[in-house]
Amino acid sequence: MEWSPVDAALDLSLSLATAAHNRADPAEAAADVLAELCATEPVVAAALTCYDPISDVHRPLCSTGYTAPVLDFLRSPAFLVDDAGYRQLLSDPARRAGCWWDTADYPASRSVTQVFQPAGFAGGATARLTTRGGSYAGDLHLSTTEAELPTPTMMLALRHAAPLLAAAVDVTRRLRLGLVDLGPDAHAAIVTAAGGVLPLSEPTGFEQAWDPALVRQVDTWRGAGGWAGEGRYRRLWRGRWWSVRLARVDRGTLVVLEPDRAPGTLTVRELEVLTLLTDGLFNVAIAHRMGISARTVAHHIEHILAKLDAGSRTSAARRAVEEGLRLLP
């Protein structure tokens, strides 16, 4: 029987999955996965990162061939938020992996012209590692010096292997076992699909930070199609400000609460306007949502831009998302 490209892709996918799950230590498993990749095609650089939803950090488990600046770029908002190819993976999770040639004009993008090409790369791919339950676990990156690589066979293998690799590096497995070290004032819990609360931190002080209304909010977001509530927020609860981080995990939604300072010179009303602005609403829609006039909204936005030293609404919205300035709805 003739060996087809699909057979080769499935064989490579199985090899990657086996390498990922043969070792208990995620870093050792990552090293084995990268060794399999580099032995299959002339991949000159590769990295496997995991995402920790509590610290909001993309941590490299293993890398080879990348300089520190390139590796830092792959874990920064410049790639994870602004890169056109990565945005496609976010908008279409079923794709799982994409290469340079999957995105129109990608070779002319900032990522390629300012980062990858100066580092000596002519091709590459990224697999966004999401478990079958929908939990984002990390990324697999690879780069080549040949423009026609990676091959379609490699891309098919990455798409098949992505959920299995995600399961191997998923930090939330440790979260569920309560093995993640939180700061002394932080409180974490998973809101389950059934609306229950599974505390991950010590119960002492938890009731002071936790509001049952938060469970209802998480359930509402999750119930809406294409849940988009992940990210960092702020919340005024019982007379103090809290930083709230939300992340989807296999068993529900991870919620991390930490005491936070007041959000600078922005008033609560301005934070409300800024939160709606990040949803892409125009002044009239914001005014309707808040029950105020469009002129008042315009004044609030003018003050917000000045206080954030932002040159545009887009810039202000970006800062709100990155710095967790949005209020919980």
Protein backbone atom coordinates (compact mmCIF):
# COMPACT_ATOMS: atom_id res chain seq x y z
CA MET A 1 0.00 0.00 0.00
CA GLU A 2 1.35 3.44 -0.95
CA TRP A 3 2.25 5.75 1.93
CA SER A 4 0.23 8.98 1.52
CA PRO A 5 0.97 12.49 2.85
CA VAL A 6 -2.00 12.09 5.19
CA ASP A 7 -0.51 8.88 6.57
CA ALA A 8 2.82 10.67 7.07
CA ALA A 9 1.07 13.55 8.84
CA LEU A 10 -0.80 11.20 11.17
CA ASP A 11 2.40 9.30 11.89
CA LEU A 12 4.21 12.53 12.80
CA SER A 13 1.25 13.67 14.87
CA LEU A 14 1.37 10.43 16.83
CA SER A 15 5.12 10.80 17.34
CA LEU A 16 4.66 14.33 18.69
CA ALA A 17 1.84 13.26 21.01
CA THR A 18 3.86 10.30 22.27
CA ALA A 19 6.87 12.53 22.95
CA ALA A 20 4.66 15.01 24.81
CA HIS A 21 3.13 12.43 27.12
CA ASN A 22 6.10 10.13 27.73
CA ARG A 23 7.56 12.36 30.45
CA ALA A 24 5.95 13.74 33.59
CA ASP A 25 8.03 16.92 33.54
CA PRO A 26 6.56 19.42 30.99
CA ALA A 27 9.99 20.88 30.15
CA GLU A 28 11.41 17.45 29.36
CA ALA A 29 8.34 16.60 27.30
CA ALA A 30 8.71 19.88 25.41
CA ALA A 31 12.35 19.07 24.61
CA ASP A 32 11.32 15.69 23.18
CA VAL A 33 8.61 17.32 21.05
CA LEU A 34 11.06 19.85 19.61
CA ALA A 35 13.57 17.09 18.89
CA GLU A 36 10.89 15.20 16.90
CA LEU A 37 10.04 18.35 14.94
CA CYS A 38 13.62 19.26 14.10
CA ALA A 39 14.39 15.70 13.01
CA THR A 40 11.46 15.62 10.57
CA GLU A 41 12.12 18.70 8.46
CA PRO A 42 14.95 21.24 8.34
CA VAL A 43 13.44 23.27 11.18
CA VAL A 44 16.19 25.57 12.44
CA ALA A 45 14.32 27.05 15.42
CA ALA A 46 11.43 25.89 17.56
CA ALA A 47 9.85 26.78 20.89
CA LEU A 48 7.08 25.38 23.05
CA THR A 49 5.48 27.73 25.57
CA CYS A 50 2.80 27.22 28.19
CA TYR A 51 0.30 29.82 29.37
CA ASP A 52 -0.26 30.34 33.10
CA PRO A 53 -3.68 32.00 33.50
CA ILE A 54 -3.00 32.98 37.12
CA SER A 55 0.18 34.97 36.47
CA ASP A 56 -0.94 35.84 32.91
CA VAL A 57 2.51 34.78 31.66
CA HIS A 58 3.57 32.79 28.60
CA ARG A 59 6.48 30.74 29.92
CA PRO A 60 8.91 28.99 27.54
CA LEU A 61 9.16 25.29 28.38
CA CYS A 62 11.89 24.61 25.82
CA SER A 63 13.37 26.39 22.82
CA THR A 64 16.12 25.86 20.30
CA GLY A 65 17.54 28.16 17.64
CA TYR A 66 15.76 31.34 18.74
CA THR A 67 17.64 34.30 20.16
CA ALA A 68 16.29 35.83 23.37
CA PRO A 69 14.79 38.87 21.54
CA VAL A 70 12.86 36.63 19.12
CA LEU A 71 11.63 34.41 21.94
CA ASP A 72 10.54 37.48 23.91
CA PHE A 73 8.70 38.76 20.83
CA LEU A 74 6.79 35.48 20.47
CA ARG A 75 5.51 35.88 24.05
CA SER A 76 4.67 39.57 23.77
CA PRO A 77 1.45 41.43 22.81
CA ALA A 78 3.24 42.49 19.62
CA PHE A 79 2.83 38.89 18.46
CA LEU A 80 -0.01 37.49 20.58
CA VAL A 81 -2.27 40.50 19.94
CA ASP A 82 -1.01 42.31 16.84
CA ASP A 83 0.32 39.53 14.58
CA ALA A 84 -2.07 38.97 11.67
CA GLY A 85 -1.44 35.22 11.51
CA TYR A 86 -1.98 34.72 15.23
CA ARG A 87 -5.18 36.78 15.08
CA GLN A 88 -6.50 34.30 12.51
CA LEU A 89 -5.91 31.44 14.94
CA LEU A 90 -7.80 33.39 17.61
CA SER A 91 -10.74 34.10 15.33
CA ASP A 92 -10.92 30.54 14.00
CA PRO A 93 -9.83 28.10 16.75
CA ALA A 94 -10.61 25.10 14.53
CA ARG A 95 -7.56 25.96 12.39
CA ARG A 96 -5.23 25.17 15.32
CA ALA A 97 -2.09 25.97 13.31
CA GLY A 98 -1.05 28.34 10.54
CA CYS A 99 2.08 29.14 8.54
CA TRP A 100 3.34 32.27 6.79
CA TRP A 101 1.54 31.48 3.56
CA ASP A 102 -1.86 30.99 5.20
CA THR A 103 -2.25 34.73 5.75
CA ALA A 104 -2.45 37.24 2.91
CA ASP A 105 0.58 39.57 2.72
CA TYR A 106 2.05 38.03 5.88
CA PRO A 107 5.63 38.05 4.48
CA ALA A 108 5.32 41.86 4.37
CA SER A 109 4.06 42.10 7.96
CA ARG A 110 5.95 43.70 10.83
CA SER A 111 6.58 40.31 12.44
CA VAL A 112 8.42 39.08 9.36
CA THR A 113 10.19 42.23 8.21
CA GLN A 114 11.28 43.46 11.65
CA VAL A 115 11.77 40.24 13.60
CA PHE A 116 11.88 36.94 11.69
CA GLN A 117 13.76 37.92 8.52
CA PRO A 118 16.47 39.88 10.38
CA ALA A 119 16.95 36.75 12.50
CA GLY A 120 17.56 34.73 9.32
CA PHE A 121 14.21 32.97 8.90
CA ALA A 122 12.35 32.61 5.59
CA GLY A 123 9.35 30.56 6.74
CA GLY A 124 7.59 29.40 9.85
CA ALA A 125 4.42 28.32 11.60
CA THR A 126 2.60 28.55 14.91
CA ALA A 127 0.21 26.09 16.52
CA ARG A 128 -2.12 27.52 19.15
CA LEU A 129 -2.46 24.79 21.73
CA THR A 130 -6.05 24.55 22.92
CA THR A 131 -7.40 21.48 24.68
CA ARG A 132 -10.49 19.72 23.42
CA GLY A 133 -12.35 21.35 26.30
CA GLY A 134 -11.45 24.81 24.98
CA SER A 135 -8.70 25.73 27.46
CA TYR A 136 -5.79 27.67 25.95
CA ALA A 137 -2.55 26.03 27.13
CA GLY A 138 0.27 27.63 25.11
CA ASP A 139 1.91 27.80 21.69
CA LEU A 140 4.27 25.83 19.50
CA HIS A 141 6.44 27.92 17.17
CA LEU A 142 8.84 26.78 14.47
CA SER A 143 10.96 28.65 11.93
CA THR A 144 12.89 27.62 8.82
CA THR A 145 15.46 29.08 6.45
CA GLU A 146 13.59 27.73 3.43
CA ALA A 147 10.55 29.64 2.19
CA GLU A 148 8.61 26.56 1.08
CA LEU A 149 8.73 25.05 4.58
CA PRO A 150 6.99 23.88 6.66
CA THR A 151 5.38 21.43 4.26
CA PRO A 152 1.62 20.72 4.11
CA THR A 153 2.36 17.38 5.77
CA MET A 154 3.95 19.14 8.74
CA MET A 155 1.05 21.58 9.00
CA LEU A 156 -1.48 18.75 8.96
CA ALA A 157 0.47 16.96 11.68
CA LEU A 158 0.52 20.11 13.84
CA ARG A 159 -3.24 20.55 13.48
CA HIS A 160 -3.84 16.95 14.55
CA ALA A 161 -1.33 17.06 17.42
CA ALA A 162 -2.29 20.47 18.85
CA PRO A 163 -4.99 19.28 21.34
CA LEU A 164 -2.74 16.45 22.56
CA LEU A 165 0.21 18.80 23.02
CA ALA A 166 -2.12 21.23 24.83
CA ALA A 167 -3.13 18.51 27.27
CA ALA A 168 0.53 17.80 28.03
CA VAL A 169 1.45 21.40 28.88
CA ASP A 170 -1.89 22.55 30.35
CA VAL A 171 -1.15 24.46 33.57
CA THR A 172 -4.78 24.19 34.65
CA ARG A 173 -4.21 20.55 35.58
CA ARG A 174 -1.99 21.81 38.38
CA LEU A 175 -4.53 24.51 39.18
CA ARG A 176 -7.18 21.90 39.77
CA LEU A 177 -4.85 20.11 42.14
CA GLY A 178 -4.16 23.33 44.01
CA LEU A 179 -0.43 23.24 43.29
CA VAL A 180 -0.05 26.79 42.01
CA ASP A 181 1.49 29.19 44.51
CA LEU A 182 -0.63 32.33 44.86
CA GLY A 183 0.44 35.50 46.60
CA PRO A 184 -0.68 36.02 50.21
CA ASP A 185 -3.54 38.34 49.23
CA ALA A 186 -4.67 36.57 46.05
CA HIS A 187 -7.74 34.37 45.82
CA ALA A 188 -8.50 31.99 42.98
CA ALA A 189 -11.39 29.72 42.13
CA ILE A 190 -12.87 27.87 39.19
CA VAL A 191 -16.49 28.60 38.40
CA THR A 192 -17.77 25.33 37.03
CA ALA A 193 -20.12 24.87 34.09
CA ALA A 194 -22.85 24.04 36.61
CA GLY A 195 -22.33 27.34 38.44
CA GLY A 196 -20.43 25.90 41.38
CA VAL A 197 -17.30 27.45 42.88
CA LEU A 198 -14.12 25.43 43.45
CA PRO A 199 -11.67 27.53 45.54
CA LEU A 200 -8.01 27.06 44.60
CA SER A 201 -6.62 29.30 47.31
CA GLU A 202 -6.82 29.19 51.09
CA PRO A 203 -10.34 29.94 52.33
CA THR A 204 -9.11 32.54 54.81
CA GLY A 205 -10.33 35.93 53.56
CA PHE A 206 -11.95 34.40 50.50
CA GLU A 207 -15.43 35.55 51.48
CA GLN A 208 -14.15 39.14 51.67
CA ALA A 209 -12.99 38.99 48.05
CA TRP A 210 -15.70 36.83 46.53
CA ASP A 211 -19.08 38.09 45.41
CA PRO A 212 -21.75 35.56 44.34
CA ALA A 213 -22.79 38.01 41.62
CA LEU A 214 -19.48 37.24 39.94
CA VAL A 215 -20.63 33.66 39.40
CA ARG A 216 -23.76 34.91 37.67
CA GLN A 217 -21.70 37.20 35.44
CA VAL A 218 -19.36 34.39 34.42
CA ASP A 219 -22.33 32.12 33.69
CA THR A 220 -23.91 34.85 31.53
CA TRP A 221 -20.74 35.34 29.49
CA ARG A 222 -20.22 31.63 29.05
CA GLY A 223 -23.84 31.14 28.03
CA ALA A 224 -23.48 33.68 25.23
CA GLY A 225 -22.06 32.21 22.02
CA GLY A 226 -18.30 32.68 21.54
CA TRP A 227 -17.46 33.53 25.15
CA ALA A 228 -15.19 36.57 25.10
CA GLY A 229 -14.88 37.40 28.78
CA GLU A 230 -11.25 36.33 29.17
CA GLY A 231 -8.79 38.96 30.29
CA ARG A 232 -8.03 41.37 33.13
CA TYR A 233 -10.55 43.69 34.77
CA ARG A 234 -11.00 45.90 37.80
CA ARG A 235 -13.79 45.84 40.28
CA LEU A 236 -14.90 48.01 43.18
CA TRP A 237 -16.19 45.63 45.84
CA ARG A 238 -16.87 46.36 49.50
CA GLY A 239 -15.15 49.72 49.32
CA ARG A 240 -11.87 48.56 47.78
CA TRP A 241 -10.51 47.94 44.30
CA TRP A 242 -9.76 44.44 43.07
CA SER A 243 -7.90 43.14 40.06
CA VAL A 244 -9.95 40.37 38.43
CA ARG A 245 -8.47 37.93 35.93
CA LEU A 246 -10.71 35.56 34.00
CA ALA A 247 -9.53 32.61 31.91
CA ARG A 248 -11.40 29.68 30.41
CA VAL A 249 -10.30 26.27 31.65
CA ASP A 250 -11.50 22.74 31.02
CA ARG A 251 -13.82 22.62 34.01
CA GLY A 252 -15.20 26.12 33.76
CA THR A 253 -13.75 29.59 34.26
CA LEU A 254 -10.72 30.47 36.34
CA VAL A 255 -11.24 33.63 38.42
CA VAL A 256 -8.29 35.23 40.22
CA LEU A 257 -8.91 38.16 42.59
CA GLU A 258 -6.19 40.37 44.05
CA PRO A 259 -6.38 43.68 45.94
CA ASP A 260 -5.41 46.49 43.60
CA ARG A 261 -4.74 50.19 43.77
CA ALA A 262 -7.24 52.74 42.56
CA PRO A 263 -7.04 53.18 38.76
CA GLY A 264 -5.10 56.44 38.71
CA THR A 265 -6.99 59.62 37.97
CA LEU A 266 -9.79 57.94 36.05
CA THR A 267 -13.18 58.24 37.71
CA VAL A 268 -15.59 55.32 37.97
CA ARG A 269 -17.79 57.00 35.34
CA GLU A 270 -14.83 57.33 32.98
CA LEU A 271 -13.95 53.67 33.55
CA GLU A 272 -17.53 52.74 32.63
CA VAL A 273 -17.22 54.71 29.37
CA LEU A 274 -13.77 53.23 28.67
CA THR A 275 -15.11 49.70 29.23
CA LEU A 276 -17.87 50.21 26.65
CA LEU A 277 -15.41 51.88 24.29
CA THR A 278 -13.26 48.72 24.29
CA ASP A 279 -16.33 46.83 23.02
CA GLY A 280 -16.17 48.99 19.87
CA LEU A 281 -19.29 51.02 20.67
CA PHE A 282 -19.75 54.49 19.22
CA ASN A 283 -20.70 57.48 21.36
CA VAL A 284 -24.43 57.20 20.64
CA ALA A 285 -24.47 53.51 21.62
CA ILE A 286 -22.46 54.22 24.78
CA ALA A 287 -24.85 57.03 25.66
CA HIS A 288 -27.86 54.77 25.16
CA ARG A 289 -26.28 52.02 27.28
CA MET A 290 -25.44 54.42 30.13
CA GLY A 291 -28.55 56.62 29.93
CA ILE A 292 -26.60 59.82 29.30
CA SER A 293 -26.21 62.15 26.31
CA ALA A 294 -23.77 61.58 23.46
CA ARG A 295 -22.24 64.98 24.23
CA THR A 296 -21.50 63.85 27.80
CA VAL A 297 -19.92 60.67 26.45
CA ALA A 298 -17.73 62.76 24.13
CA HIS A 299 -16.55 64.84 27.10
CA HIS A 300 -15.74 61.68 29.08
CA ILE A 301 -13.74 60.24 26.17
CA GLU A 302 -11.84 63.51 25.78
CA HIS A 303 -10.83 63.32 29.46
CA ILE A 304 -9.96 59.62 29.17
CA LEU A 305 -7.62 60.22 26.21
CA ALA A 306 -5.90 63.05 28.07
CA LYS A 307 -5.47 61.10 31.31
CA LEU A 308 -4.14 58.01 29.49
CA ASP A 309 -2.00 60.13 27.15
CA ALA A 310 -3.64 58.19 24.32
CA GLY A 311 -3.76 59.57 20.80
CA SER A 312 -6.93 57.75 19.74
CA ARG A 313 -9.87 55.70 20.94
CA THR A 314 -8.13 52.59 19.64
CA SER A 315 -5.03 53.34 21.67
CA ALA A 316 -7.10 53.95 24.80
CA ALA A 317 -9.01 50.69 24.27
CA ARG A 318 -5.78 48.76 23.81
CA ARG A 319 -4.37 50.14 27.07
CA ALA A 320 -7.60 49.31 28.86
CA VAL A 321 -7.35 45.65 27.78
CA GLU A 322 -3.61 45.28 28.39
CA GLU A 323 -3.58 47.07 31.77
CA GLY A 324 -6.84 45.63 33.08
CA LEU A 325 -8.64 48.97 33.26
CA ARG A 326 -11.98 47.59 32.13
CA LEU A 327 -14.68 47.27 34.75
CA LEU A 328 -16.57 44.04 35.10
CA PRO A 329 -19.90 44.48 33.30
